[in-house]
Amino acid sequence: MDNFLLECLKIFVAVSIFYVWVPRYFNIIEEFKQYNYPDYLRDIVGILKLTFAFMLVAKDTQYVLMASGGLVVLMLAAFATHIRVKNNYKLFFPSLSLMLINSLIFYMTYSA
């Protein structure tokens, strides 16, 4: 049962990141402009998130640990950005929830 839950969480996170960073990329462009972040930072974050999303569904435990750990750090940065610009909870909830889910993925993978 734990393995099934872990796989479901990994797929959920990977699909969520893909959805936000590919079909909804124009929203990302506007968000990064709003936060006054440079384009190169947006591109680096996008490359890292998509790479980690693909690594997350790998069967290799080391890839999953690197991916979930990396996503925790990126989601923590996103959450901090939302707090810094004083966004309401609707805008920072996704980064907070994905940070917590990736923490759980990391824990479940490491303790398995």
N, C-alpha and C. Protein backbone atom coordinates (compact mmCIF):
# COMPACT_ATOMS: atom_id res chain seq x y z
N MET A 1 0.82 -1.20 0.00
CA MET A 1 0.00 0.00 0.00
C MET A 1 0.86 1.27 0.00
N ASP A 2 1.93 1.26 0.80
CA ASP A 2 2.81 2.43 0.84
C ASP A 2 3.45 2.68 -0.52
N ASN A 3 3.84 1.60 -1.19
CA ASN A 3 4.47 1.73 -2.50
C ASN A 3 3.49 2.32 -3.51
N PHE A 4 2.23 1.90 -3.45
CA PHE A 4 1.20 2.43 -4.35
C PHE A 4 0.99 3.92 -4.10
N LEU A 5 0.90 4.31 -2.84
CA LEU A 5 0.74 5.72 -2.49
C LEU A 5 1.93 6.54 -2.98
N LEU A 6 3.12 6.02 -2.77
CA LEU A 6 4.34 6.71 -3.21
C LEU A 6 4.32 6.93 -4.72
N GLU A 7 3.98 5.90 -5.47
CA GLU A 7 3.94 6.02 -6.93
C GLU A 7 2.88 7.02 -7.37
N CYS A 8 1.73 7.01 -6.71
CA CYS A 8 0.66 7.97 -7.04
C CYS A 8 1.11 9.41 -6.78
N LEU A 9 1.77 9.63 -5.66
CA LEU A 9 2.26 10.97 -5.32
C LEU A 9 3.30 11.43 -6.34
N LYS A 10 4.20 10.54 -6.72
CA LYS A 10 5.23 10.90 -7.70
C LYS A 10 4.60 11.28 -9.04
N ILE A 11 3.64 10.52 -9.48
CA ILE A 11 2.96 10.81 -10.75
C ILE A 11 2.19 12.12 -10.65
N PHE A 12 1.50 12.33 -9.54
CA PHE A 12 0.75 13.57 -9.34
C PHE A 12 1.67 14.79 -9.43
N VAL A 13 2.80 14.74 -8.76
CA VAL A 13 3.74 15.86 -8.78
C VAL A 13 4.30 16.07 -10.18
N ALA A 14 4.72 15.00 -10.83
CA ALA A 14 5.31 15.12 -12.17
C ALA A 14 4.30 15.71 -13.16
N VAL A 15 3.08 15.24 -13.14
CA VAL A 15 2.05 15.74 -14.05
C VAL A 15 1.73 17.20 -13.73
N SER A 16 1.64 17.54 -12.46
CA SER A 16 1.35 18.92 -12.05
C SER A 16 2.42 19.88 -12.55
N ILE A 17 3.67 19.51 -12.37
CA ILE A 17 4.77 20.38 -12.82
C ILE A 17 4.76 20.51 -14.34
N PHE A 18 4.57 19.40 -15.03
CA PHE A 18 4.52 19.44 -16.49
C PHE A 18 3.39 20.36 -16.95
N TYR A 19 2.22 20.24 -16.34
CA TYR A 19 1.06 21.05 -16.73
C TYR A 19 1.32 22.54 -16.54
N VAL A 20 1.93 22.91 -15.43
CA VAL A 20 2.19 24.33 -15.16
C VAL A 20 3.28 24.88 -16.06
N TRP A 21 4.32 24.09 -16.33
CA TRP A 21 5.48 24.62 -17.04
C TRP A 21 5.45 24.40 -18.55
N VAL A 22 4.47 23.65 -19.08
CA VAL A 22 4.41 23.48 -20.53
C VAL A 22 3.15 24.14 -21.11
N PRO A 23 1.95 23.59 -20.89
CA PRO A 23 0.79 24.25 -21.49
C PRO A 23 0.49 25.64 -20.91
N ARG A 24 0.83 25.88 -19.66
CA ARG A 24 0.53 27.17 -19.01
C ARG A 24 1.78 28.05 -18.88
N TYR A 25 2.74 27.87 -19.76
CA TYR A 25 4.01 28.59 -19.68
C TYR A 25 3.83 30.10 -19.73
N PHE A 26 2.82 30.58 -20.46
CA PHE A 26 2.61 32.03 -20.55
C PHE A 26 2.26 32.62 -19.18
N ASN A 27 1.59 31.85 -18.33
CA ASN A 27 1.32 32.31 -16.96
C ASN A 27 2.62 32.43 -16.17
N ILE A 28 3.53 31.51 -16.39
CA ILE A 28 4.83 31.54 -15.70
C ILE A 28 5.60 32.79 -16.11
N ILE A 29 5.56 33.11 -17.40
CA ILE A 29 6.25 34.31 -17.89
C ILE A 29 5.72 35.55 -17.16
N GLU A 30 4.41 35.65 -17.05
CA GLU A 30 3.80 36.81 -16.38
C GLU A 30 4.15 36.84 -14.89
N GLU A 31 4.13 35.69 -14.23
CA GLU A 31 4.47 35.64 -12.81
C GLU A 31 5.90 36.12 -12.56
N PHE A 32 6.84 35.64 -13.35
CA PHE A 32 8.23 36.03 -13.15
C PHE A 32 8.44 37.52 -13.43
N LYS A 33 7.67 38.08 -14.38
CA LYS A 33 7.73 39.53 -14.61
C LYS A 33 7.20 40.28 -13.39
N GLN A 34 6.09 39.78 -12.84
CA GLN A 34 5.49 40.40 -11.66
C GLN A 34 6.47 40.41 -10.49
N TYR A 35 7.25 39.36 -10.36
CA TYR A 35 8.19 39.25 -9.24
C TYR A 35 9.52 39.96 -9.53
N ASN A 36 9.65 40.53 -10.72
CA ASN A 36 10.88 41.21 -11.15
C ASN A 36 12.09 40.27 -11.16
N TYR A 37 11.85 39.04 -11.56
CA TYR A 37 12.94 38.08 -11.70
C TYR A 37 13.38 38.05 -13.17
N PRO A 38 14.65 37.87 -13.43
CA PRO A 38 15.13 37.86 -14.82
C PRO A 38 14.68 36.62 -15.58
N ASP A 39 14.66 36.75 -16.89
CA ASP A 39 14.23 35.65 -17.75
C ASP A 39 15.11 34.42 -17.58
N TYR A 40 16.42 34.63 -17.41
CA TYR A 40 17.31 33.47 -17.28
C TYR A 40 17.00 32.66 -16.02
N LEU A 41 16.56 33.33 -14.96
CA LEU A 41 16.18 32.60 -13.74
C LEU A 41 14.94 31.75 -13.99
N ARG A 42 13.97 32.32 -14.70
CA ARG A 42 12.76 31.58 -15.06
C ARG A 42 13.12 30.34 -15.87
N ASP A 43 14.04 30.50 -16.82
CA ASP A 43 14.44 29.38 -17.66
C ASP A 43 15.17 28.30 -16.85
N ILE A 44 16.05 28.72 -15.96
CA ILE A 44 16.77 27.75 -15.12
C ILE A 44 15.81 27.00 -14.22
N VAL A 45 14.88 27.74 -13.59
CA VAL A 45 13.89 27.09 -12.72
C VAL A 45 13.04 26.11 -13.52
N GLY A 46 12.63 26.50 -14.70
CA GLY A 46 11.82 25.61 -15.54
C GLY A 46 12.57 24.35 -15.93
N ILE A 47 13.81 24.50 -16.32
CA ILE A 47 14.63 23.34 -16.69
C ILE A 47 14.80 22.41 -15.49
N LEU A 48 15.09 22.99 -14.33
CA LEU A 48 15.26 22.17 -13.13
C LEU A 48 13.96 21.46 -12.75
N LYS A 49 12.85 22.19 -12.75
CA LYS A 49 11.58 21.57 -12.35
C LYS A 49 11.18 20.44 -13.30
N LEU A 50 11.31 20.67 -14.60
CA LEU A 50 10.95 19.62 -15.55
C LEU A 50 11.90 18.42 -15.46
N THR A 51 13.17 18.69 -15.27
CA THR A 51 14.14 17.60 -15.10
C THR A 51 13.82 16.79 -13.85
N PHE A 52 13.58 17.49 -12.74
CA PHE A 52 13.25 16.80 -11.50
C PHE A 52 11.94 16.03 -11.63
N ALA A 53 10.98 16.57 -12.38
CA ALA A 53 9.70 15.88 -12.58
C ALA A 53 9.92 14.55 -13.30
N PHE A 54 10.77 14.55 -14.32
CA PHE A 54 11.07 13.31 -15.04
C PHE A 54 11.85 12.34 -14.15
N MET A 55 12.79 12.87 -13.38
CA MET A 55 13.58 12.02 -12.49
C MET A 55 12.72 11.40 -11.40
N LEU A 56 11.67 12.10 -11.01
CA LEU A 56 10.80 11.65 -9.93
C LEU A 56 10.13 10.32 -10.24
N VAL A 57 9.81 10.09 -11.49
CA VAL A 57 9.11 8.85 -11.85
C VAL A 57 10.07 7.73 -12.25
N ALA A 58 11.36 7.97 -12.09
CA ALA A 58 12.35 6.94 -12.38
C ALA A 58 12.29 5.84 -11.31
N LYS A 59 12.80 4.70 -11.66
CA LYS A 59 12.82 3.58 -10.71
C LYS A 59 14.03 3.62 -9.79
N ASP A 60 15.02 4.40 -10.14
CA ASP A 60 16.26 4.49 -9.35
C ASP A 60 16.01 5.36 -8.12
N THR A 61 16.24 4.80 -6.95
CA THR A 61 16.02 5.50 -5.69
C THR A 61 16.83 6.79 -5.59
N GLN A 62 18.06 6.77 -6.08
CA GLN A 62 18.90 7.97 -6.00
C GLN A 62 18.31 9.12 -6.82
N TYR A 63 17.76 8.81 -7.99
CA TYR A 63 17.12 9.84 -8.81
C TYR A 63 15.91 10.43 -8.10
N VAL A 64 15.12 9.57 -7.49
CA VAL A 64 13.92 10.02 -6.78
C VAL A 64 14.30 10.91 -5.60
N LEU A 65 15.34 10.52 -4.88
CA LEU A 65 15.78 11.34 -3.74
C LEU A 65 16.31 12.70 -4.22
N MET A 66 17.11 12.71 -5.28
CA MET A 66 17.62 13.98 -5.81
C MET A 66 16.46 14.85 -6.31
N ALA A 67 15.52 14.23 -7.02
CA ALA A 67 14.41 14.98 -7.59
C ALA A 67 13.50 15.55 -6.51
N SER A 68 13.10 14.73 -5.56
CA SER A 68 12.19 15.22 -4.52
C SER A 68 12.89 16.24 -3.63
N GLY A 69 14.16 16.03 -3.33
CA GLY A 69 14.92 17.01 -2.54
C GLY A 69 15.07 18.32 -3.29
N GLY A 70 15.38 18.24 -4.57
CA GLY A 70 15.50 19.45 -5.38
C GLY A 70 14.19 20.20 -5.49
N LEU A 71 13.10 19.46 -5.63
CA LEU A 71 11.79 20.11 -5.72
C LEU A 71 11.38 20.74 -4.40
N VAL A 72 11.77 20.14 -3.28
CA VAL A 72 11.49 20.77 -1.99
C VAL A 72 12.16 22.14 -1.93
N VAL A 73 13.41 22.20 -2.35
CA VAL A 73 14.16 23.47 -2.32
C VAL A 73 13.50 24.49 -3.26
N LEU A 74 13.15 24.08 -4.48
CA LEU A 74 12.54 25.00 -5.43
C LEU A 74 11.16 25.47 -4.95
N MET A 75 10.39 24.57 -4.36
CA MET A 75 9.07 24.96 -3.87
C MET A 75 9.18 25.86 -2.64
N LEU A 76 10.20 25.64 -1.85
CA LEU A 76 10.44 26.53 -0.71
C LEU A 76 10.76 27.94 -1.22
N ALA A 77 11.56 28.03 -2.27
CA ALA A 77 11.88 29.34 -2.86
C ALA A 77 10.63 29.98 -3.45
N ALA A 78 9.78 29.18 -4.10
CA ALA A 78 8.54 29.72 -4.66
C ALA A 78 7.62 30.21 -3.55
N PHE A 79 7.51 29.43 -2.49
CA PHE A 79 6.68 29.82 -1.35
C PHE A 79 7.20 31.13 -0.73
N ALA A 80 8.51 31.23 -0.57
CA ALA A 80 9.11 32.44 -0.01
C ALA A 80 8.84 33.65 -0.91
N THR A 81 8.87 33.44 -2.22
CA THR A 81 8.58 34.52 -3.15
C THR A 81 7.15 34.99 -2.98
N HIS A 82 6.22 34.05 -2.88
CA HIS A 82 4.81 34.42 -2.68
C HIS A 82 4.61 35.21 -1.39
N ILE A 83 5.30 34.81 -0.35
CA ILE A 83 5.22 35.53 0.92
C ILE A 83 5.83 36.93 0.77
N ARG A 84 6.98 37.01 0.09
CA ARG A 84 7.67 38.29 -0.09
C ARG A 84 6.81 39.31 -0.82
N VAL A 85 6.07 38.86 -1.84
CA VAL A 85 5.24 39.79 -2.60
C VAL A 85 3.82 39.89 -2.04
N LYS A 86 3.60 39.21 -0.91
CA LYS A 86 2.32 39.28 -0.19
C LYS A 86 1.13 38.80 -1.03
N ASN A 87 1.33 37.68 -1.74
CA ASN A 87 0.22 37.05 -2.46
C ASN A 87 -0.73 36.41 -1.46
N ASN A 88 -1.97 36.24 -1.88
CA ASN A 88 -2.93 35.57 -1.00
C ASN A 88 -2.71 34.06 -1.03
N TYR A 89 -3.39 33.37 -0.14
CA TYR A 89 -3.15 31.93 0.01
C TYR A 89 -3.45 31.12 -1.24
N LYS A 90 -4.36 31.58 -2.09
CA LYS A 90 -4.69 30.85 -3.32
C LYS A 90 -3.47 30.74 -4.24
N LEU A 91 -2.61 31.74 -4.18
CA LEU A 91 -1.44 31.73 -5.04
C LEU A 91 -0.26 30.99 -4.42
N PHE A 92 -0.15 30.96 -3.09
CA PHE A 92 0.99 30.26 -2.51
C PHE A 92 0.66 28.84 -2.08
N PHE A 93 -0.62 28.47 -2.07
CA PHE A 93 -0.98 27.11 -1.67
C PHE A 93 -0.35 26.02 -2.54
N PRO A 94 -0.32 26.17 -3.88
CA PRO A 94 0.30 25.12 -4.69
C PRO A 94 1.77 24.87 -4.35
N SER A 95 2.55 25.94 -4.15
CA SER A 95 3.96 25.72 -3.82
C SER A 95 4.11 25.08 -2.44
N LEU A 96 3.29 25.49 -1.50
CA LEU A 96 3.34 24.91 -0.16
C LEU A 96 2.94 23.43 -0.19
N SER A 97 1.87 23.12 -0.89
CA SER A 97 1.42 21.73 -0.94
C SER A 97 2.42 20.84 -1.68
N LEU A 98 2.99 21.33 -2.78
CA LEU A 98 3.99 20.53 -3.49
C LEU A 98 5.27 20.36 -2.68
N MET A 99 5.61 21.37 -1.89
CA MET A 99 6.77 21.23 -1.01
C MET A 99 6.53 20.13 0.01
N LEU A 100 5.34 20.10 0.60
CA LEU A 100 5.01 19.07 1.59
C LEU A 100 4.92 17.68 0.96
N ILE A 101 4.32 17.59 -0.22
CA ILE A 101 4.22 16.29 -0.90
C ILE A 101 5.60 15.77 -1.26
N ASN A 102 6.48 16.65 -1.75
CA ASN A 102 7.83 16.21 -2.09
C ASN A 102 8.63 15.83 -0.86
N SER A 103 8.37 16.48 0.25
CA SER A 103 9.01 16.08 1.52
C SER A 103 8.56 14.67 1.89
N LEU A 104 7.28 14.39 1.71
CA LEU A 104 6.76 13.06 2.00
C LEU A 104 7.35 12.02 1.04
N ILE A 105 7.46 12.35 -0.23
CA ILE A 105 8.08 11.45 -1.21
C ILE A 105 9.52 11.16 -0.81
N PHE A 106 10.25 12.21 -0.44
CA PHE A 106 11.65 12.01 -0.01
C PHE A 106 11.71 11.09 1.19
N TYR A 107 10.88 11.35 2.19
CA TYR A 107 10.87 10.53 3.41
C TYR A 107 10.51 9.08 3.11
N MET A 108 9.46 8.87 2.33
CA MET A 108 9.01 7.51 2.03
C MET A 108 10.06 6.75 1.20
N THR A 109 10.73 7.45 0.30
CA THR A 109 11.75 6.81 -0.53
C THR A 109 12.98 6.48 0.30
N TYR A 110 13.39 7.42 1.14
CA TYR A 110 14.59 7.23 1.96
C TYR A 110 14.40 6.13 2.99
N SER A 111 13.21 6.04 3.57
CA SER A 111 12.97 5.06 4.62
C SER A 111 12.59 3.68 4.09
N ALA A 112 12.41 3.57 2.78
CA ALA A 112 12.01 2.27 2.20
C ALA A 112 13.18 1.31 2.12
